[in-house]
């Protein structure tokens, strides 16, 4: 996928949401706990989190480690941690994805939401469906207005547990979970 464009978009969104702040250690979610809960929430994905080879230029999440999600689907997804503290999870897919890729993208969103917030499957599904519908509506409205940057973005604050953001453009769909912050 287009990692350079996705990385720029992700950094822009993360800065807009103020997600680079530090969280108190006692409120921080565990990365190991997230990975374990994720794989249990969606065993059919056959998911593994692996350390990628990264070459970075420009701004980065200093001191954080990235892990790529490898699964039965070709969804571009990464987990960012600082030590064992969960910072954020991101998943992207092309806007014009085939049915199998869309299915994998949805399953990954569902498992990640359940893992990050310790929600039951029904609550995760309801939230993802609502955010997806809103992002689609905002994208449609942006297109109709003739915006320079045609996109639909929506988010949910989950109090001390973190945030969820969904960003749709003409070319891709992005899902971001942000860990606890101050």
C-alpha atoms as a PDB file:
ATOM      1  CA  UNK A   1       0.000   0.000   0.000  1.00  0.00           C
ATOM      2  CA  UNK A   2       1.005   3.630  -0.086  1.00  0.00           C
ATOM      3  CA  UNK A   3       2.878   3.767   3.229  1.00  0.00           C
ATOM      4  CA  UNK A   4       4.363   7.233   2.670  1.00  0.00           C
ATOM      5  CA  UNK A   5       0.962   8.866   2.053  1.00  0.00           C
ATOM      6  CA  UNK A   6      -0.692   6.864   4.803  1.00  0.00           C
ATOM      7  CA  UNK A   7       2.074   7.727   7.269  1.00  0.00           C
ATOM      8  CA  UNK A   8       1.719  11.451   6.492  1.00  0.00           C
ATOM      9  CA  UNK A   9      -2.055  11.267   6.820  1.00  0.00           C
ATOM     10  CA  UNK A  10      -1.778   9.329  10.074  1.00  0.00           C
ATOM     11  CA  UNK A  11       0.680  11.820  11.593  1.00  0.00           C
ATOM     12  CA  UNK A  12      -1.578  14.693  10.537  1.00  0.00           C
ATOM     13  CA  UNK A  13      -4.623  13.041  12.105  1.00  0.00           C
ATOM     14  CA  UNK A  14      -2.734  12.096  15.245  1.00  0.00           C
ATOM     15  CA  UNK A  15      -1.558  15.680  15.697  1.00  0.00           C
ATOM     16  CA  UNK A  16      -5.107  16.945  15.096  1.00  0.00           C
ATOM     17  CA  UNK A  17      -6.471  14.613  17.767  1.00  0.00           C
ATOM     18  CA  UNK A  18      -3.673  15.488  20.207  1.00  0.00           C
ATOM     19  CA  UNK A  19      -2.695  11.866  20.615  1.00  0.00           C
ATOM     20  CA  UNK A  20       1.010  12.257  21.282  1.00  0.00           C
ATOM     21  CA  UNK A  21       0.509  13.209  24.929  1.00  0.00           C
ATOM     22  CA  UNK A  22       1.770  10.917  27.647  1.00  0.00           C
ATOM     23  CA  UNK A  23      -0.562   8.944  29.841  1.00  0.00           C
ATOM     24  CA  UNK A  24      -0.066   8.262  33.506  1.00  0.00           C
ATOM     25  CA  UNK A  25       1.449   4.801  34.009  1.00  0.00           C
ATOM     26  CA  UNK A  26      -1.453   3.538  36.120  1.00  0.00           C
ATOM     27  CA  UNK A  27      -4.029   4.464  33.449  1.00  0.00           C
ATOM     28  CA  UNK A  28      -2.004   3.139  30.516  1.00  0.00           C
ATOM     29  CA  UNK A  29      -3.157   0.107  28.588  1.00  0.00           C
ATOM     30  CA  UNK A  30      -0.719  -2.765  28.084  1.00  0.00           C
ATOM     31  CA  UNK A  31       0.537  -3.521  24.573  1.00  0.00           C
ATOM     32  CA  UNK A  32       0.945  -7.187  25.443  1.00  0.00           C
ATOM     33  CA  UNK A  33      -2.630  -7.181  26.764  1.00  0.00           C
ATOM     34  CA  UNK A  34      -3.880  -5.537  23.554  1.00  0.00           C
ATOM     35  CA  UNK A  35      -2.137  -8.089  21.323  1.00  0.00           C
ATOM     36  CA  UNK A  36      -3.442 -11.000  23.393  1.00  0.00           C
ATOM     37  CA  UNK A  37      -7.025  -9.656  23.493  1.00  0.00           C
ATOM     38  CA  UNK A  38      -6.906  -8.881  19.765  1.00  0.00           C
ATOM     39  CA  UNK A  39      -5.947 -12.423  18.773  1.00  0.00           C
ATOM     40  CA  UNK A  40      -8.594 -13.873  21.113  1.00  0.00           C
ATOM     41  CA  UNK A  41     -11.310 -11.534  19.750  1.00  0.00           C
ATOM     42  CA  UNK A  42     -10.734 -12.707  16.175  1.00  0.00           C
ATOM     43  CA  UNK A  43      -9.062 -16.127  16.009  1.00  0.00           C
ATOM     44  CA  UNK A  44     -10.170 -16.505  12.381  1.00  0.00           C
ATOM     45  CA  UNK A  45      -7.821 -13.700  11.374  1.00  0.00           C
ATOM     46  CA  UNK A  46      -4.800 -15.810  12.396  1.00  0.00           C
ATOM     47  CA  UNK A  47      -3.233 -12.498  13.378  1.00  0.00           C
ATOM     48  CA  UNK A  48       0.359 -11.922  14.434  1.00  0.00           C
ATOM     49  CA  UNK A  49       2.045  -8.691  15.423  1.00  0.00           C
ATOM     50  CA  UNK A  50       5.564  -8.535  13.985  1.00  0.00           C
ATOM     51  CA  UNK A  51       8.347  -5.982  14.198  1.00  0.00           C
ATOM     52  CA  UNK A  52       8.861  -4.378  10.785  1.00  0.00           C
ATOM     53  CA  UNK A  53      12.031  -2.912   9.357  1.00  0.00           C
ATOM     54  CA  UNK A  54      11.433   0.849   9.477  1.00  0.00           C
ATOM     55  CA  UNK A  55      13.210   3.692   7.772  1.00  0.00           C
ATOM     56  CA  UNK A  56      11.919   7.038   9.010  1.00  0.00           C
ATOM     57  CA  UNK A  57      12.355  10.547   7.755  1.00  0.00           C
ATOM     58  CA  UNK A  58      10.875  13.601   9.352  1.00  0.00           C
ATOM     59  CA  UNK A  59       8.640  13.554  12.436  1.00  0.00           C
ATOM     60  CA  UNK A  60       8.203  10.263  14.201  1.00  0.00           C
ATOM     61  CA  UNK A  61       6.845   8.894  17.444  1.00  0.00           C
ATOM     62  CA  UNK A  62      10.109   9.210  19.323  1.00  0.00           C
ATOM     63  CA  UNK A  63      10.647   6.315  21.675  1.00  0.00           C
ATOM     64  CA  UNK A  64       7.767   4.238  20.320  1.00  0.00           C
ATOM     65  CA  UNK A  65       7.889   0.830  18.691  1.00  0.00           C
ATOM     66  CA  UNK A  66       5.738  -0.180  15.749  1.00  0.00           C
ATOM     67  CA  UNK A  67       4.415  -3.660  15.066  1.00  0.00           C
ATOM     68  CA  UNK A  68       2.756  -4.631  11.813  1.00  0.00           C
ATOM     69  CA  UNK A  69      -0.323  -6.811  11.870  1.00  0.00           C
ATOM     70  CA  UNK A  70       0.005  -9.872   9.655  1.00  0.00           C
ATOM     71  CA  UNK A  71      -3.253 -11.752   9.078  1.00  0.00           C
ATOM     72  CA  UNK A  72      -5.269 -13.777   6.589  1.00  0.00           C
ATOM     73  CA  UNK A  73      -6.259 -10.464   4.965  1.00  0.00           C
ATOM     74  CA  UNK A  74      -4.035  -7.909   3.234  1.00  0.00           C
ATOM     75  CA  UNK A  75      -5.079  -5.018   5.458  1.00  0.00           C
ATOM     76  CA  UNK A  76      -2.342  -2.507   6.275  1.00  0.00           C
ATOM     77  CA  UNK A  77      -2.396  -2.243  10.097  1.00  0.00           C
ATOM     78  CA  UNK A  78       0.095  -1.192  12.772  1.00  0.00           C
ATOM     79  CA  UNK A  79       0.297  -1.109  16.539  1.00  0.00           C
ATOM     80  CA  UNK A  80       2.384   1.573  18.276  1.00  0.00           C
ATOM     81  CA  UNK A  81       3.683   1.083  21.810  1.00  0.00           C
ATOM     82  CA  UNK A  82       6.108   2.808  24.135  1.00  0.00           C
ATOM     83  CA  UNK A  83       7.606   0.062  26.236  1.00  0.00           C
ATOM     84  CA  UNK A  84       4.526  -1.996  27.100  1.00  0.00           C
ATOM     85  CA  UNK A  85       2.180   1.018  26.981  1.00  0.00           C
ATOM     86  CA  UNK A  86      -0.418   1.018  24.183  1.00  0.00           C
ATOM     87  CA  UNK A  87      -0.226   4.279  22.206  1.00  0.00           C
ATOM     88  CA  UNK A  88      -2.391   3.632  19.150  1.00  0.00           C
ATOM     89  CA  UNK A  89      -3.551   1.150  16.551  1.00  0.00           C
ATOM     90  CA  UNK A  90      -4.115   2.082  12.907  1.00  0.00           C
ATOM     91  CA  UNK A  91      -5.615   0.204   9.986  1.00  0.00           C
ATOM     92  CA  UNK A  92      -5.933   1.371   6.378  1.00  0.00           C
ATOM     93  CA  UNK A  93      -7.428  -0.044   3.241  1.00  0.00           C
ATOM     94  CA  UNK A  94      -8.015   1.335  -0.261  1.00  0.00           C
ATOM     95  CA  UNK A  95     -11.387   3.007  -0.751  1.00  0.00           C
ATOM     96  CA  UNK A  96     -12.163   0.740  -3.702  1.00  0.00           C
ATOM     97  CA  UNK A  97     -11.288  -2.522  -1.939  1.00  0.00           C
ATOM     98  CA  UNK A  98     -12.712  -5.890  -2.935  1.00  0.00           C
ATOM     99  CA  UNK A  99     -15.222  -7.695  -0.706  1.00  0.00           C
ATOM    100  CA  UNK A 100     -12.610  -9.910   1.003  1.00  0.00           C
ATOM    101  CA  UNK A 101     -10.415  -6.943   1.919  1.00  0.00           C
ATOM    102  CA  UNK A 102     -13.439  -5.001   3.253  1.00  0.00           C
ATOM    103  CA  UNK A 103     -14.395  -8.033   5.361  1.00  0.00           C
ATOM    104  CA  UNK A 104     -10.882  -8.260   6.818  1.00  0.00           C
ATOM    105  CA  UNK A 105     -10.799  -4.512   7.473  1.00  0.00           C
ATOM    106  CA  UNK A 106     -14.078  -4.736   9.394  1.00  0.00           C
ATOM    107  CA  UNK A 107     -12.956  -7.767  11.430  1.00  0.00           C
ATOM    108  CA  UNK A 108      -9.700  -6.001  12.317  1.00  0.00           C
ATOM    109  CA  UNK A 109     -11.580  -2.873  13.451  1.00  0.00           C
ATOM    110  CA  UNK A 110     -13.892  -5.005  15.565  1.00  0.00           C
ATOM    111  CA  UNK A 111     -11.097  -7.013  17.223  1.00  0.00           C
ATOM    112  CA  UNK A 112      -9.004  -3.879  17.854  1.00  0.00           C
ATOM    113  CA  UNK A 113     -11.921  -2.013  19.445  1.00  0.00           C
ATOM    114  CA  UNK A 114     -12.728  -4.968  21.690  1.00  0.00           C
ATOM    115  CA  UNK A 115      -9.056  -5.317  22.674  1.00  0.00           C
ATOM    116  CA  UNK A 116      -8.346  -1.632  23.295  1.00  0.00           C
ATOM    117  CA  UNK A 117     -11.465  -0.821  25.298  1.00  0.00           C
ATOM    118  CA  UNK A 118     -12.365  -4.266  26.663  1.00  0.00           C
ATOM    119  CA  UNK A 119     -15.799  -3.911  25.081  1.00  0.00           C
ATOM    120  CA  UNK A 120     -18.168  -6.771  24.275  1.00  0.00           C
ATOM    121  CA  UNK A 121     -18.463  -7.617  20.571  1.00  0.00           C
ATOM    122  CA  UNK A 122     -21.936  -6.064  20.256  1.00  0.00           C
ATOM    123  CA  UNK A 123     -20.793  -2.669  21.532  1.00  0.00           C
ATOM    124  CA  UNK A 124     -17.752  -2.694  19.242  1.00  0.00           C
ATOM    125  CA  UNK A 125     -19.926  -3.629  16.241  1.00  0.00           C
ATOM    126  CA  UNK A 126     -22.491  -0.926  16.993  1.00  0.00           C
ATOM    127  CA  UNK A 127     -19.790   1.737  17.385  1.00  0.00           C
ATOM    128  CA  UNK A 128     -17.957   0.733  14.189  1.00  0.00           C
ATOM    129  CA  UNK A 129     -21.204   0.695  12.177  1.00  0.00           C
ATOM    130  CA  UNK A 130     -22.144   4.158  13.488  1.00  0.00           C
ATOM    131  CA  UNK A 131     -18.700   5.632  12.768  1.00  0.00           C
ATOM    132  CA  UNK A 132     -18.598   4.068   9.309  1.00  0.00           C
ATOM    133  CA  UNK A 133     -22.023   5.477   8.408  1.00  0.00           C
ATOM    134  CA  UNK A 134     -21.024   8.941   9.659  1.00  0.00           C
ATOM    135  CA  UNK A 135     -17.717   8.915   7.749  1.00  0.00           C
ATOM    136  CA  UNK A 136     -19.536   7.837   4.564  1.00  0.00           C
ATOM    137  CA  UNK A 137     -22.086  10.657   5.000  1.00  0.00           C
ATOM    138  CA  UNK A 138     -19.359  13.234   5.659  1.00  0.00           C
ATOM    139  CA  UNK A 139     -17.400  12.020   2.610  1.00  0.00           C
ATOM    140  CA  UNK A 140     -20.522  12.305   0.447  1.00  0.00           C
ATOM    141  CA  UNK A 141     -21.232  15.823   1.763  1.00  0.00           C
ATOM    142  CA  UNK A 142     -17.604  16.851   1.210  1.00  0.00           C
ATOM    143  CA  UNK A 143     -17.799  15.607  -2.382  1.00  0.00           C
ATOM    144  CA  UNK A 144     -21.114  17.458  -2.959  1.00  0.00           C
ATOM    145  CA  UNK A 145     -19.695  20.713  -1.546  1.00  0.00           C
ATOM    146  CA  UNK A 146     -16.681  20.428  -3.837  1.00  0.00           C
ATOM    147  CA  UNK A 147     -14.186  20.628  -0.988  1.00  0.00           C
ATOM    148  CA  UNK A 148     -10.531  20.940  -1.968  1.00  0.00           C
ATOM    149  CA  UNK A 149      -9.693  17.881   0.168  1.00  0.00           C
ATOM    150  CA  UNK A 150     -12.650  15.522  -0.173  1.00  0.00           C
ATOM    151  CA  UNK A 151     -12.913  13.506   3.039  1.00  0.00           C
ATOM    152  CA  UNK A 152     -15.142  12.357   5.858  1.00  0.00           C
ATOM    153  CA  UNK A 153     -13.824  12.214   9.415  1.00  0.00           C
ATOM    154  CA  UNK A 154     -15.543  11.310  12.635  1.00  0.00           C
ATOM    155  CA  UNK A 155     -14.404  10.331  16.103  1.00  0.00           C
ATOM    156  CA  UNK A 156     -15.603   9.141  19.497  1.00  0.00           C
ATOM    157  CA  UNK A 157     -14.037  10.074  22.780  1.00  0.00           C
ATOM    158  CA  UNK A 158     -14.003   7.181  25.197  1.00  0.00           C
ATOM    159  CA  UNK A 159     -13.025   9.132  28.282  1.00  0.00           C
ATOM    160  CA  UNK A 160      -9.878   7.951  30.030  1.00  0.00           C
ATOM    161  CA  UNK A 161      -9.772   4.795  27.900  1.00  0.00           C
ATOM    162  CA  UNK A 162      -8.827   6.606  24.661  1.00  0.00           C
ATOM    163  CA  UNK A 163     -10.414   7.623  21.365  1.00  0.00           C
ATOM    164  CA  UNK A 164     -11.603   6.120  18.090  1.00  0.00           C
ATOM    165  CA  UNK A 165     -11.322   7.946  14.769  1.00  0.00           C
ATOM    166  CA  UNK A 166     -12.499   7.001  11.290  1.00  0.00           C
ATOM    167  CA  UNK A 167     -11.229   8.900   8.275  1.00  0.00           C
ATOM    168  CA  UNK A 168     -12.425   8.264   4.723  1.00  0.00           C
ATOM    169  CA  UNK A 169     -11.059   9.872   1.586  1.00  0.00           C
ATOM    170  CA  UNK A 170     -11.701   9.101  -2.076  1.00  0.00           C
ATOM    171  CA  UNK A 171      -8.690   6.782  -2.134  1.00  0.00           C
ATOM    172  CA  UNK A 172      -8.563   5.131   1.306  1.00  0.00           C
ATOM    173  CA  UNK A 173     -10.226   4.311   4.608  1.00  0.00           C
ATOM    174  CA  UNK A 174      -8.384   4.790   7.901  1.00  0.00           C
ATOM    175  CA  UNK A 175      -9.303   3.557  11.383  1.00  0.00           C
ATOM    176  CA  UNK A 176      -7.379   4.775  14.448  1.00  0.00           C
ATOM    177  CA  UNK A 177      -7.613   3.785  18.094  1.00  0.00           C
ATOM    178  CA  UNK A 178      -5.738   6.004  20.510  1.00  0.00           C
ATOM    179  CA  UNK A 179      -4.705   4.864  23.963  1.00  0.00           C
ATOM    180  CA  UNK A 180      -5.302   6.733  27.209  1.00  0.00           C
ATOM    181  CA  UNK A 181      -3.934  10.250  27.596  1.00  0.00           C
ATOM    182  CA  UNK A 182      -3.628  12.789  30.375  1.00  0.00           C
END
